[in-house]
Amino acid sequence: MPVLSSVTLELVYLVPHELRAPFSYVFLDQKQAGIFDKETKYKVLFAEIFQANLIAPQASYENKVIEFSNKNLDNFLFAVAF
């Protein structure tokens, strides 16, 4: 890969819908040494039967999709409670 080039990677992580409310989903993205100037976006999609009651930190929320964004300055933790 050429120096100063950029790459987009999309990773899909699926959790079975065998859950019943109330429950929480928490995700930790641990910053890796030597990785700079990286922006990561995380999307949480959920079944129509669930309603997000708490979203932290602030995120965009549209059409049952919650999107978080991280500038990779430190570890990043997000949580959604249903």
Protein backbone atom coordinates (compact mmCIF):
# COMPACT_ATOMS: atom_id res chain seq x y z
CA MET A 1 0.00 0.00 0.00
CA PRO A 2 1.41 3.43 -0.91
CA VAL A 3 2.51 5.80 1.84
CA LEU A 4 -0.22 8.26 3.00
CA SER A 5 -2.95 6.26 1.32
CA SER A 6 -6.23 5.48 3.08
CA VAL A 7 -8.29 2.34 3.43
CA THR A 8 -11.90 1.75 4.42
CA LEU A 9 -12.72 -1.44 6.28
CA GLU A 10 -16.26 -2.53 7.12
CA LEU A 11 -16.65 -5.19 9.78
CA VAL A 12 -20.08 -6.64 10.50
CA TYR A 13 -20.60 -8.19 13.94
CA LEU A 14 -23.94 -9.88 14.51
CA VAL A 15 -25.50 -10.77 17.88
CA PRO A 16 -28.41 -13.24 17.88
CA HIS A 17 -31.79 -11.68 18.71
CA GLU A 18 -32.52 -14.07 21.56
CA LEU A 19 -32.51 -11.22 24.07
CA ARG A 20 -35.45 -9.80 25.98
CA ALA A 21 -35.60 -6.27 27.34
CA PRO A 22 -34.21 -4.95 29.58
CA PHE A 23 -30.63 -5.56 28.47
CA SER A 24 -27.57 -3.52 27.52
CA TYR A 25 -25.00 -3.76 24.76
CA VAL A 26 -21.53 -2.40 25.58
CA PHE A 27 -18.56 -2.24 23.19
CA LEU A 28 -14.92 -1.30 23.91
CA ASP A 29 -12.52 -0.37 21.10
CA GLN A 30 -9.04 -0.41 22.60
CA LYS A 31 -6.63 2.07 20.99
CA GLN A 32 -3.66 0.38 19.37
CA ALA A 33 -0.15 1.80 19.68
CA GLY A 34 1.20 3.37 16.50
CA ILE A 35 -2.22 3.99 14.94
CA PHE A 36 -2.84 7.71 14.43
CA ASP A 37 -5.30 9.83 12.49
CA LYS A 38 -7.93 7.10 12.29
CA GLU A 39 -11.65 7.75 12.45
CA THR A 40 -13.90 4.83 13.27
CA LYS A 41 -17.67 4.71 12.93
CA TYR A 42 -19.80 2.15 14.74
CA LYS A 43 -23.40 1.34 13.85
CA VAL A 44 -25.84 -0.48 16.11
CA LEU A 45 -28.93 -1.87 14.37
CA PHE A 46 -31.68 -3.57 16.32
CA ALA A 47 -34.99 -5.33 15.84
CA GLU A 48 -38.27 -3.38 15.72
CA ILE A 49 -39.40 -4.91 19.02
CA PHE A 50 -36.66 -3.05 20.95
CA GLN A 51 -36.49 0.61 21.92
CA ALA A 52 -33.23 2.26 22.94
CA ASN A 53 -33.70 3.87 26.38
CA LEU A 54 -30.14 5.07 26.95
CA ILE A 55 -27.35 5.80 24.45
CA ALA A 56 -23.89 6.83 25.67
CA PRO A 57 -21.91 8.75 24.60
CA GLN A 58 -23.94 10.99 22.29
CA ALA A 59 -24.67 9.41 18.91
CA SER A 60 -26.86 9.94 15.88
CA TYR A 61 -30.08 7.92 15.88
CA GLU A 62 -32.20 7.46 12.77
CA ASN A 63 -34.42 4.63 11.49
CA LYS A 64 -33.40 2.15 14.22
CA VAL A 65 -29.69 2.78 13.50
CA ILE A 66 -27.47 4.27 16.20
CA GLU A 67 -24.14 5.60 14.88
CA PHE A 68 -21.13 6.47 17.03
CA SER A 69 -17.95 8.14 15.76
CA ASN A 70 -14.47 7.98 17.31
CA LYS A 71 -11.36 9.99 16.35
CA ASN A 72 -9.12 7.31 17.97
CA LEU A 73 -7.57 9.65 20.54
CA ASP A 74 -7.98 7.05 23.29
CA ASN A 75 -9.92 3.88 24.08
CA PHE A 76 -13.57 4.21 23.06
CA LEU A 77 -16.50 2.72 24.94
CA PHE A 78 -20.13 2.95 23.96
CA ALA A 79 -23.29 1.50 25.43
CA VAL A 80 -26.95 1.14 24.48
CA ALA A 81 -29.60 0.09 26.98
CA PHE A 82 -32.89 -1.36 25.79
